[in-house]
Amino acid sequence: MAGRDIGSVVLPDADVKIYLEVSVEERARRRAEQRGELDDANAFERIADELRSRDTIDSTRQTAPLRVPDGAVLVETDGNTLEQTVQEVVAVIRDAALGR
């Protein structure tokens, strides 16, 4: 299950909580690439501004603010392919299952 408040609000007692960390710049680059706007500097900046705005709103809202859940394992994903991130997430889950 994925979402910005799953480990902190929806399932705070989950056996494994993973927080995917990625910079605004990387998120903007990925979104621009998905939209076919990677070479458009204006689009990149607009997307980055939208992401920063959303992060601010989500982090400062009164109900279920965005935060790293207690006990979560941080997985840095800047520069990762989807496959690399999936491999890291699977490794975290395997380690938890083995009690590491």
PDB file of N, CA and C in Angstrom:
ATOM      1  N   MET A   1       0.854  -1.157   0.000  1.00  0.00           N
ATOM      2  CA  MET A   1       0.000   0.000   0.000  1.00  0.00           C
ATOM      3  C   MET A   1       0.904   1.225   0.000  1.00  0.00           C
ATOM      4  N   ALA A   2       0.582   2.201  -0.803  1.00  0.00           N
ATOM      5  CA  ALA A   2       1.398   3.405  -0.893  1.00  0.00           C
ATOM      6  C   ALA A   2       0.534   4.639  -0.685  1.00  0.00           C
ATOM      7  N   GLY A   3       1.120   5.643  -0.097  1.00  0.00           N
ATOM      8  CA  GLY A   3       0.434   6.905   0.111  1.00  0.00           C
ATOM      9  C   GLY A   3       1.213   7.748   1.097  1.00  0.00           C
ATOM     10  N   ARG A   4       0.902   9.015   1.132  1.00  0.00           N
ATOM     11  CA  ARG A   4       1.665   9.936   1.955  1.00  0.00           C
ATOM     12  C   ARG A   4       1.391   9.818   3.446  1.00  0.00           C
ATOM     13  N   ASP A   5       0.319   9.155   3.860  1.00  0.00           N
ATOM     14  CA  ASP A   5       0.052   9.023   5.292  1.00  0.00           C
ATOM     15  C   ASP A   5      -0.254   7.585   5.701  1.00  0.00           C
ATOM     16  N   ILE A   6       0.138   6.633   4.896  1.00  0.00           N
ATOM     17  CA  ILE A   6      -0.177   5.233   5.196  1.00  0.00           C
ATOM     18  C   ILE A   6       0.524   4.783   6.485  1.00  0.00           C
ATOM     19  N   GLY A   7       1.825   4.959   6.573  1.00  0.00           N
ATOM     20  CA  GLY A   7       2.567   4.477   7.743  1.00  0.00           C
ATOM     21  C   GLY A   7       2.384   5.316   8.983  1.00  0.00           C
ATOM     22  N   SER A   8       1.971   6.564   8.832  1.00  0.00           N
ATOM     23  CA  SER A   8       1.809   7.428  10.003  1.00  0.00           C
ATOM     24  C   SER A   8       0.376   7.493  10.503  1.00  0.00           C
ATOM     25  N   VAL A   9      -0.614   7.308   9.622  1.00  0.00           N
ATOM     26  CA  VAL A   9      -2.017   7.463  10.016  1.00  0.00           C
ATOM     27  C   VAL A   9      -2.839   6.209   9.742  1.00  0.00           C
ATOM     28  N   VAL A  10      -2.794   5.712   8.519  1.00  0.00           N
ATOM     29  CA  VAL A  10      -3.671   4.610   8.125  1.00  0.00           C
ATOM     30  C   VAL A  10      -3.249   3.299   8.789  1.00  0.00           C
ATOM     31  N   LEU A  11      -1.968   2.973   8.726  1.00  0.00           N
ATOM     32  CA  LEU A  11      -1.453   1.724   9.316  1.00  0.00           C
ATOM     33  C   LEU A  11      -0.234   2.018  10.200  1.00  0.00           C
ATOM     34  N   PRO A  12      -0.425   2.750  11.288  1.00  0.00           N
ATOM     35  CA  PRO A  12       0.733   3.128  12.120  1.00  0.00           C
ATOM     36  C   PRO A  12       1.413   1.950  12.805  1.00  0.00           C
ATOM     37  N   ASP A  13       0.723   0.810  12.900  1.00  0.00           N
ATOM     38  CA  ASP A  13       1.297  -0.367  13.550  1.00  0.00           C
ATOM     39  C   ASP A  13       1.757  -1.423  12.542  1.00  0.00           C
ATOM     40  N   ALA A  14       1.950  -1.023  11.299  1.00  0.00           N
ATOM     41  CA  ALA A  14       2.396  -1.967  10.265  1.00  0.00           C
ATOM     42  C   ALA A  14       3.735  -2.595  10.661  1.00  0.00           C
ATOM     43  N   ASP A  15       3.914  -3.841  10.273  1.00  0.00           N
ATOM     44  CA  ASP A  15       5.165  -4.542  10.576  1.00  0.00           C
ATOM     45  C   ASP A  15       6.356  -3.910   9.869  1.00  0.00           C
ATOM     46  N   VAL A  16       6.137  -3.429   8.657  1.00  0.00           N
ATOM     47  CA  VAL A  16       7.200  -2.791   7.877  1.00  0.00           C
ATOM     48  C   VAL A  16       6.661  -1.485   7.323  1.00  0.00           C
ATOM     49  N   LYS A  17       7.408  -0.411   7.575  1.00  0.00           N
ATOM     50  CA  LYS A  17       7.059   0.895   7.014  1.00  0.00           C
ATOM     51  C   LYS A  17       8.268   1.403   6.241  1.00  0.00           C
ATOM     52  N   ILE A  18       8.025   1.805   5.022  1.00  0.00           N
ATOM     53  CA  ILE A  18       9.097   2.293   4.156  1.00  0.00           C
ATOM     54  C   ILE A  18       8.722   3.696   3.699  1.00  0.00           C
ATOM     55  N   TYR A  19       9.657   4.608   3.826  1.00  0.00           N
ATOM     56  CA  TYR A  19       9.447   5.984   3.382  1.00  0.00           C
ATOM     57  C   TYR A  19      10.389   6.229   2.212  1.00  0.00           C
ATOM     58  N   LEU A  20       9.813   6.426   1.040  1.00  0.00           N
ATOM     59  CA  LEU A  20      10.627   6.688  -0.149  1.00  0.00           C
ATOM     60  C   LEU A  20      10.979   8.164  -0.182  1.00  0.00           C
ATOM     61  N   GLU A  21      12.258   8.452  -0.109  1.00  0.00           N
ATOM     62  CA  GLU A  21      12.756   9.826  -0.109  1.00  0.00           C
ATOM     63  C   GLU A  21      13.307  10.142  -1.490  1.00  0.00           C
ATOM     64  N   VAL A  22      12.908  11.294  -2.022  1.00  0.00           N
ATOM     65  CA  VAL A  22      13.407  11.731  -3.327  1.00  0.00           C
ATOM     66  C   VAL A  22      13.331  13.249  -3.365  1.00  0.00           C
ATOM     67  N   SER A  23      14.321  13.868  -3.964  1.00  0.00           N
ATOM     68  CA  SER A  23      14.367  15.325  -4.020  1.00  0.00           C
ATOM     69  C   SER A  23      13.277  15.866  -4.949  1.00  0.00           C
ATOM     70  N   VAL A  24      12.920  17.115  -4.724  1.00  0.00           N
ATOM     71  CA  VAL A  24      11.951  17.783  -5.601  1.00  0.00           C
ATOM     72  C   VAL A  24      12.481  17.812  -7.026  1.00  0.00           C
ATOM     73  N   GLU A  25      13.778  18.046  -7.171  1.00  0.00           N
ATOM     74  CA  GLU A  25      14.363  18.113  -8.511  1.00  0.00           C
ATOM     75  C   GLU A  25      14.223  16.793  -9.256  1.00  0.00           C
ATOM     76  N   GLU A  26      14.482  15.700  -8.558  1.00  0.00           N
ATOM     77  CA  GLU A  26      14.351  14.384  -9.197  1.00  0.00           C
ATOM     78  C   GLU A  26      12.890  14.090  -9.528  1.00  0.00           C
ATOM     79  N   ARG A  27      11.990  14.422  -8.612  1.00  0.00           N
ATOM     80  CA  ARG A  27      10.569  14.206  -8.876  1.00  0.00           C
ATOM     81  C   ARG A  27      10.120  15.041 -10.073  1.00  0.00           C
ATOM     82  N   ALA A  28      10.583  16.277 -10.154  1.00  0.00           N
ATOM     83  CA  ALA A  28      10.212  17.142 -11.285  1.00  0.00           C
ATOM     84  C   ALA A  28      10.782  16.587 -12.586  1.00  0.00           C
ATOM     85  N   ARG A  29      12.018  16.108 -12.545  1.00  0.00           N
ATOM     86  CA  ARG A  29      12.628  15.534 -13.741  1.00  0.00           C
ATOM     87  C   ARG A  29      11.836  14.324 -14.216  1.00  0.00           C
ATOM     88  N   ARG A  30      11.472  13.446 -13.284  1.00  0.00           N
ATOM     89  CA  ARG A  30      10.706  12.246 -13.644  1.00  0.00           C
ATOM     90  C   ARG A  30       9.349  12.618 -14.239  1.00  0.00           C
ATOM     91  N   ARG A  31       8.674  13.572 -13.618  1.00  0.00           N
ATOM     92  CA  ARG A  31       7.359  13.968 -14.118  1.00  0.00           C
ATOM     93  C   ARG A  31       7.482  14.634 -15.492  1.00  0.00           C
ATOM     94  N   ALA A  32       8.480  15.493 -15.680  1.00  0.00           N
ATOM     95  CA  ALA A  32       8.691  16.123 -16.980  1.00  0.00           C
ATOM     96  C   ALA A  32       8.984  15.073 -18.046  1.00  0.00           C
ATOM     97  N   GLU A  33       9.765  14.077 -17.669  1.00  0.00           N
ATOM     98  CA  GLU A  33      10.060  12.995 -18.611  1.00  0.00           C
ATOM     99  C   GLU A  33       8.781  12.240 -18.981  1.00  0.00           C
ATOM    100  N   GLN A  34       7.950  11.932 -18.000  1.00  0.00           N
ATOM    101  CA  GLN A  34       6.684  11.236 -18.267  1.00  0.00           C
ATOM    102  C   GLN A  34       5.792  12.043 -19.209  1.00  0.00           C
ATOM    103  N   ARG A  35       5.833  13.353 -19.066  1.00  0.00           N
ATOM    104  CA  ARG A  35       4.986  14.230 -19.876  1.00  0.00           C
ATOM    105  C   ARG A  35       5.628  14.608 -21.211  1.00  0.00           C
ATOM    106  N   GLY A  36       6.839  14.145 -21.453  1.00  0.00           N
ATOM    107  CA  GLY A  36       7.527  14.486 -22.689  1.00  0.00           C
ATOM    108  C   GLY A  36       8.014  15.930 -22.706  1.00  0.00           C
ATOM    109  N   GLU A  37       8.259  16.493 -21.520  1.00  0.00           N
ATOM    110  CA  GLU A  37       8.666  17.897 -21.402  1.00  0.00           C
ATOM    111  C   GLU A  37      10.057  18.039 -20.799  1.00  0.00           C
ATOM    112  N   LEU A  38      10.858  17.008 -20.894  1.00  0.00           N
ATOM    113  CA  LEU A  38      12.163  17.001 -20.242  1.00  0.00           C
ATOM    114  C   LEU A  38      13.076  18.121 -20.723  1.00  0.00           C
ATOM    115  N   ASP A  39      12.958  18.517 -21.974  1.00  0.00           N
ATOM    116  CA  ASP A  39      13.835  19.551 -22.522  1.00  0.00           C
ATOM    117  C   ASP A  39      13.277  20.959 -22.355  1.00  0.00           C
ATOM    118  N   ASP A  40      12.132  21.081 -21.701  1.00  0.00           N
ATOM    119  CA  ASP A  40      11.488  22.378 -21.515  1.00  0.00           C
ATOM    120  C   ASP A  40      11.773  22.885 -20.101  1.00  0.00           C
ATOM    121  N   ALA A  41      12.715  23.839 -19.986  1.00  0.00           N
ATOM    122  CA  ALA A  41      13.111  24.357 -18.674  1.00  0.00           C
ATOM    123  C   ALA A  41      11.936  25.001 -17.945  1.00  0.00           C
ATOM    124  N   ASN A  42      11.063  25.672 -18.683  1.00  0.00           N
ATOM    125  CA  ASN A  42       9.900  26.297 -18.045  1.00  0.00           C
ATOM    126  C   ASN A  42       8.968  25.243 -17.448  1.00  0.00           C
ATOM    127  N   ALA A  43       8.774  24.160 -18.179  1.00  0.00           N
ATOM    128  CA  ALA A  43       7.913  23.078 -17.679  1.00  0.00           C
ATOM    129  C   ALA A  43       8.532  22.467 -16.431  1.00  0.00           C
ATOM    130  N   PHE A  44       9.843  22.255 -16.456  1.00  0.00           N
ATOM    131  CA  PHE A  44      10.530  21.677 -15.304  1.00  0.00           C
ATOM    132  C   PHE A  44      10.338  22.547 -14.066  1.00  0.00           C
ATOM    133  N   GLU A  45      10.550  23.849 -14.209  1.00  0.00           N
ATOM    134  CA  GLU A  45      10.399  24.771 -13.077  1.00  0.00           C
ATOM    135  C   GLU A  45       8.958  24.823 -12.589  1.00  0.00           C
ATOM    136  N   ARG A  46       8.004  24.810 -13.504  1.00  0.00           N
ATOM    137  CA  ARG A  46       6.584  24.828 -13.131  1.00  0.00           C
ATOM    138  C   ARG A  46       6.235  23.570 -12.334  1.00  0.00           C
ATOM    139  N   ILE A  47       6.704  22.436 -12.815  1.00  0.00           N
ATOM    140  CA  ILE A  47       6.448  21.168 -12.133  1.00  0.00           C
ATOM    141  C   ILE A  47       7.094  21.175 -10.751  1.00  0.00           C
ATOM    142  N   ALA A  48       8.337  21.634 -10.666  1.00  0.00           N
ATOM    143  CA  ALA A  48       9.032  21.681  -9.379  1.00  0.00           C
ATOM    144  C   ALA A  48       8.287  22.590  -8.401  1.00  0.00           C
ATOM    145  N   ASP A  49       7.815  23.735  -8.886  1.00  0.00           N
ATOM    146  CA  ASP A  49       7.051  24.647  -8.031  1.00  0.00           C
ATOM    147  C   ASP A  49       5.757  23.999  -7.542  1.00  0.00           C
ATOM    148  N   GLU A  50       5.073  23.268  -8.437  1.00  0.00           N
ATOM    149  CA  GLU A  50       3.839  22.571  -8.048  1.00  0.00           C
ATOM    150  C   GLU A  50       4.121  21.523  -6.973  1.00  0.00           C
ATOM    151  N   LEU A  51       5.223  20.795  -7.126  1.00  0.00           N
ATOM    152  CA  LEU A  51       5.583  19.770  -6.149  1.00  0.00           C
ATOM    153  C   LEU A  51       5.934  20.399  -4.797  1.00  0.00           C
ATOM    154  N   ARG A  52       6.690  21.499  -4.814  1.00  0.00           N
ATOM    155  CA  ARG A  52       7.027  22.187  -3.571  1.00  0.00           C
ATOM    156  C   ARG A  52       5.768  22.682  -2.867  1.00  0.00           C
ATOM    157  N   SER A  53       4.841  23.216  -3.647  1.00  0.00           N
ATOM    158  CA  SER A  53       3.582  23.703  -3.088  1.00  0.00           C
ATOM    159  C   SER A  53       2.805  22.560  -2.443  1.00  0.00           C
ATOM    160  N   ARG A  54       2.703  21.458  -3.148  1.00  0.00           N
ATOM    161  CA  ARG A  54       1.983  20.293  -2.594  1.00  0.00           C
ATOM    162  C   ARG A  54       2.661  19.804  -1.327  1.00  0.00           C
ATOM    163  N   ASP A  55       3.987  19.732  -1.331  1.00  0.00           N
ATOM    164  CA  ASP A  55       4.709  19.277  -0.147  1.00  0.00           C
ATOM    165  C   ASP A  55       4.447  20.191   1.048  1.00  0.00           C
ATOM    166  N   THR A  56       4.439  21.485   0.804  1.00  0.00           N
ATOM    167  CA  THR A  56       4.171  22.440   1.884  1.00  0.00           C
ATOM    168  C   THR A  56       2.767  22.258   2.429  1.00  0.00           C
ATOM    169  N   ILE A  57       1.805  22.143   1.540  1.00  0.00           N
ATOM    170  CA  ILE A  57       0.414  21.933   1.967  1.00  0.00           C
ATOM    171  C   ILE A  57       0.300  20.640   2.754  1.00  0.00           C
ATOM    172  N   ASP A  58       0.865  19.563   2.224  1.00  0.00           N
ATOM    173  CA  ASP A  58       0.759  18.260   2.878  1.00  0.00           C
ATOM    174  C   ASP A  58       1.497  18.228   4.221  1.00  0.00           C
ATOM    175  N   SER A  59       2.612  18.934   4.315  1.00  0.00           N
ATOM    176  CA  SER A  59       3.422  18.925   5.541  1.00  0.00           C
ATOM    177  C   SER A  59       2.843  19.799   6.642  1.00  0.00           C
ATOM    178  N   THR A  60       2.042  20.770   6.277  1.00  0.00           N
ATOM    179  CA  THR A  60       1.541  21.724   7.270  1.00  0.00           C
ATOM    180  C   THR A  60       0.046  21.591   7.549  1.00  0.00           C
ATOM    181  N   ARG A  61      -0.622  20.663   6.879  1.00  0.00           N
ATOM    182  CA  ARG A  61      -2.061  20.506   7.132  1.00  0.00           C
ATOM    183  C   ARG A  61      -2.275  20.007   8.560  1.00  0.00           C
ATOM    184  N   GLN A  62      -3.407  20.350   9.107  1.00  0.00           N
ATOM    185  CA  GLN A  62      -3.706  19.976  10.484  1.00  0.00           C
ATOM    186  C   GLN A  62      -3.961  18.477  10.634  1.00  0.00           C
ATOM    187  N   THR A  63      -4.676  17.905   9.696  1.00  0.00           N
ATOM    188  CA  THR A  63      -5.011  16.483   9.763  1.00  0.00           C
ATOM    189  C   THR A  63      -4.019  15.670   8.946  1.00  0.00           C
ATOM    190  N   ALA A  64      -3.403  14.701   9.575  1.00  0.00           N
ATOM    191  CA  ALA A  64      -2.484  13.762   8.927  1.00  0.00           C
ATOM    192  C   ALA A  64      -1.397  14.447   8.105  1.00  0.00           C
ATOM    193  N   PRO A  65      -0.596  15.310   8.732  1.00  0.00           N
ATOM    194  CA  PRO A  65       0.468  15.973   7.969  1.00  0.00           C
ATOM    195  C   PRO A  65       1.515  14.972   7.468  1.00  0.00           C
ATOM    196  N   LEU A  66       2.094  15.296   6.335  1.00  0.00           N
ATOM    197  CA  LEU A  66       3.154  14.469   5.766  1.00  0.00           C
ATOM    198  C   LEU A  66       4.357  14.470   6.701  1.00  0.00           C
ATOM    199  N   ARG A  67       4.790  13.279   7.067  1.00  0.00           N
ATOM    200  CA  ARG A  67       5.989  13.134   7.895  1.00  0.00           C
ATOM    201  C   ARG A  67       6.515  11.717   7.725  1.00  0.00           C
ATOM    202  N   VAL A  68       7.752  11.536   8.131  1.00  0.00           N
ATOM    203  CA  VAL A  68       8.325  10.194   8.113  1.00  0.00           C
ATOM    204  C   VAL A  68       7.726   9.444   9.303  1.00  0.00           C
ATOM    205  N   PRO A  69       7.074   8.313   9.056  1.00  0.00           N
ATOM    206  CA  PRO A  69       6.459   7.568  10.156  1.00  0.00           C
ATOM    207  C   PRO A  69       7.493   7.025  11.135  1.00  0.00           C
ATOM    208  N   ASP A  70       7.120   6.961  12.395  1.00  0.00           N
ATOM    209  CA  ASP A  70       7.986   6.338  13.396  1.00  0.00           C
ATOM    210  C   ASP A  70       8.306   4.914  12.962  1.00  0.00           C
ATOM    211  N   GLY A  71       9.577   4.558  13.033  1.00  0.00           N
ATOM    212  CA  GLY A  71       9.995   3.204  12.707  1.00  0.00           C
ATOM    213  C   GLY A  71      10.142   2.911  11.222  1.00  0.00           C
ATOM    214  N   ALA A  72       9.944   3.913  10.382  1.00  0.00           N
ATOM    215  CA  ALA A  72      10.052   3.681   8.939  1.00  0.00           C
ATOM    216  C   ALA A  72      11.510   3.586   8.504  1.00  0.00           C
ATOM    217  N   VAL A  73      11.737   2.783   7.496  1.00  0.00           N
ATOM    218  CA  VAL A  73      13.046   2.692   6.864  1.00  0.00           C
ATOM    219  C   VAL A  73      13.050   3.669   5.689  1.00  0.00           C
ATOM    220  N   LEU A  74      14.017   4.578   5.684  1.00  0.00           N
ATOM    221  CA  LEU A  74      14.128   5.525   4.579  1.00  0.00           C
ATOM    222  C   LEU A  74      14.862   4.885   3.418  1.00  0.00           C
ATOM    223  N   VAL A  75      14.278   4.998   2.238  1.00  0.00           N
ATOM    224  CA  VAL A  75      14.910   4.510   1.016  1.00  0.00           C
ATOM    225  C   VAL A  75      15.082   5.719   0.103  1.00  0.00           C
ATOM    226  N   GLU A  76      16.337   6.088  -0.131  1.00  0.00           N
ATOM    227  CA  GLU A  76      16.659   7.209  -1.018  1.00  0.00           C
ATOM    228  C   GLU A  76      16.546   6.727  -2.457  1.00  0.00           C
ATOM    229  N   THR A  77      15.787   7.457  -3.283  1.00  0.00           N
ATOM    230  CA  THR A  77      15.563   6.978  -4.645  1.00  0.00           C
ATOM    231  C   THR A  77      16.097   7.913  -5.729  1.00  0.00           C
ATOM    232  N   ASP A  78      16.732   9.026  -5.359  1.00  0.00           N
ATOM    233  CA  ASP A  78      17.301   9.898  -6.383  1.00  0.00           C
ATOM    234  C   ASP A  78      18.265   9.104  -7.262  1.00  0.00           C
ATOM    235  N   GLY A  79      18.096   9.195  -8.559  1.00  0.00           N
ATOM    236  CA  GLY A  79      18.975   8.518  -9.498  1.00  0.00           C
ATOM    237  C   GLY A  79      18.655   7.057  -9.727  1.00  0.00           C
ATOM    238  N   ASN A  80      17.718   6.510  -8.966  1.00  0.00           N
ATOM    239  CA  ASN A  80      17.353   5.103  -9.137  1.00  0.00           C
ATOM    240  C   ASN A  80      16.400   4.919 -10.310  1.00  0.00           C
ATOM    241  N   THR A  81      16.509   3.760 -10.932  1.00  0.00           N
ATOM    242  CA  THR A  81      15.458   3.331 -11.846  1.00  0.00           C
ATOM    243  C   THR A  81      14.346   2.737 -10.986  1.00  0.00           C
ATOM    244  N   LEU A  82      13.200   2.526 -11.576  1.00  0.00           N
ATOM    245  CA  LEU A  82      12.106   1.879 -10.856  1.00  0.00           C
ATOM    246  C   LEU A  82      12.559   0.520 -10.339  1.00  0.00           C
ATOM    247  N   GLU A  83      13.258  -0.221 -11.172  1.00  0.00           N
ATOM    248  CA  GLU A  83      13.711  -1.553 -10.795  1.00  0.00           C
ATOM    249  C   GLU A  83      14.651  -1.507  -9.594  1.00  0.00           C
ATOM    250  N   GLN A  84      15.544  -0.528  -9.553  1.00  0.00           N
ATOM    251  CA  GLN A  84      16.472  -0.403  -8.427  1.00  0.00           C
ATOM    252  C   GLN A  84      15.721  -0.102  -7.132  1.00  0.00           C
ATOM    253  N   THR A  85      14.728   0.775  -7.225  1.00  0.00           N
ATOM    254  CA  THR A  85      13.939   1.105  -6.037  1.00  0.00           C
ATOM    255  C   THR A  85      13.158  -0.107  -5.564  1.00  0.00           C
ATOM    256  N   VAL A  86      12.570  -0.841  -6.490  1.00  0.00           N
ATOM    257  CA  VAL A  86      11.831  -2.059  -6.117  1.00  0.00           C
ATOM    258  C   VAL A  86      12.774  -3.040  -5.427  1.00  0.00           C
ATOM    259  N   GLN A  87      13.981  -3.201  -5.940  1.00  0.00           N
ATOM    260  CA  GLN A  87      14.949  -4.110  -5.318  1.00  0.00           C
ATOM    261  C   GLN A  87      15.267  -3.687  -3.893  1.00  0.00           C
ATOM    262  N   GLU A  88      15.425  -2.376  -3.671  1.00  0.00           N
ATOM    263  CA  GLU A  88      15.713  -1.890  -2.319  1.00  0.00           C
ATOM    264  C   GLU A  88      14.541  -2.137  -1.380  1.00  0.00           C
ATOM    265  N   VAL A  89      13.325  -1.894  -1.867  1.00  0.00           N
ATOM    266  CA  VAL A  89      12.136  -2.115  -1.050  1.00  0.00           C
ATOM    267  C   VAL A  89      12.005  -3.599  -0.701  1.00  0.00           C
ATOM    268  N   VAL A  90      12.213  -4.463  -1.667  1.00  0.00           N
ATOM    269  CA  VAL A  90      12.138  -5.903  -1.418  1.00  0.00           C
ATOM    270  C   VAL A  90      13.195  -6.311  -0.387  1.00  0.00           C
ATOM    271  N   ALA A  91      14.378  -5.736  -0.471  1.00  0.00           N
ATOM    272  CA  ALA A  91      15.439  -6.059   0.494  1.00  0.00           C
ATOM    273  C   ALA A  91      15.033  -5.639   1.908  1.00  0.00           C
ATOM    274  N   VAL A  92      14.396  -4.480   2.040  1.00  0.00           N
ATOM    275  CA  VAL A  92      13.935  -4.025   3.362  1.00  0.00           C
ATOM    276  C   VAL A  92      12.893  -5.007   3.912  1.00  0.00           C
ATOM    277  N   ILE A  93      11.980  -5.428   3.071  1.00  0.00           N
ATOM    278  CA  ILE A  93      10.935  -6.363   3.505  1.00  0.00           C
ATOM    279  C   ILE A  93      11.544  -7.709   3.890  1.00  0.00           C
ATOM    280  N   ARG A  94      12.484  -8.194   3.091  1.00  0.00           N
ATOM    281  CA  ARG A  94      13.145  -9.477   3.407  1.00  0.00           C
ATOM    282  C   ARG A  94      13.896  -9.388   4.735  1.00  0.00           C
ATOM    283  N   ASP A  95      14.629  -8.273   4.925  1.00  0.00           N
ATOM    284  CA  ASP A  95      15.357  -8.102   6.177  1.00  0.00           C
ATOM    285  C   ASP A  95      14.398  -8.085   7.373  1.00  0.00           C
ATOM    286  N   ALA A  96      13.264  -7.425   7.218  1.00  0.00           N
ATOM    287  CA  ALA A  96      12.282  -7.393   8.311  1.00  0.00           C
ATOM    288  C   ALA A  96      11.732  -8.779   8.584  1.00  0.00           C
ATOM    289  N   ALA A  97      11.486  -9.533   7.533  1.00  0.00           N
ATOM    290  CA  ALA A  97      10.953 -10.892   7.694  1.00  0.00           C
ATOM    291  C   ALA A  97      11.954 -11.802   8.392  1.00  0.00           C
ATOM    292  N   LEU A  98      13.241 -11.520   8.189  1.00  0.00           N
ATOM    293  CA  LEU A  98      14.302 -12.321   8.808  1.00  0.00           C
ATOM    294  C   LEU A  98      14.716 -11.770  10.181  1.00  0.00           C
ATOM    295  N   GLY A  99      14.058 -10.699  10.598  1.00  0.00           N
ATOM    296  CA  GLY A  99      14.342 -10.118  11.910  1.00  0.00           C
ATOM    297  C   GLY A  99      15.612  -9.295  11.979  1.00  0.00           C
ATOM    298  N   ARG A 100      16.068  -8.802  10.846  1.00  0.00           N
ATOM    299  CA  ARG A 100      17.298  -7.976  10.828  1.00  0.00           C
ATOM    300  C   ARG A 100      16.986  -6.525  11.010  1.00  0.00           C
TER     301      ARG A 100
END
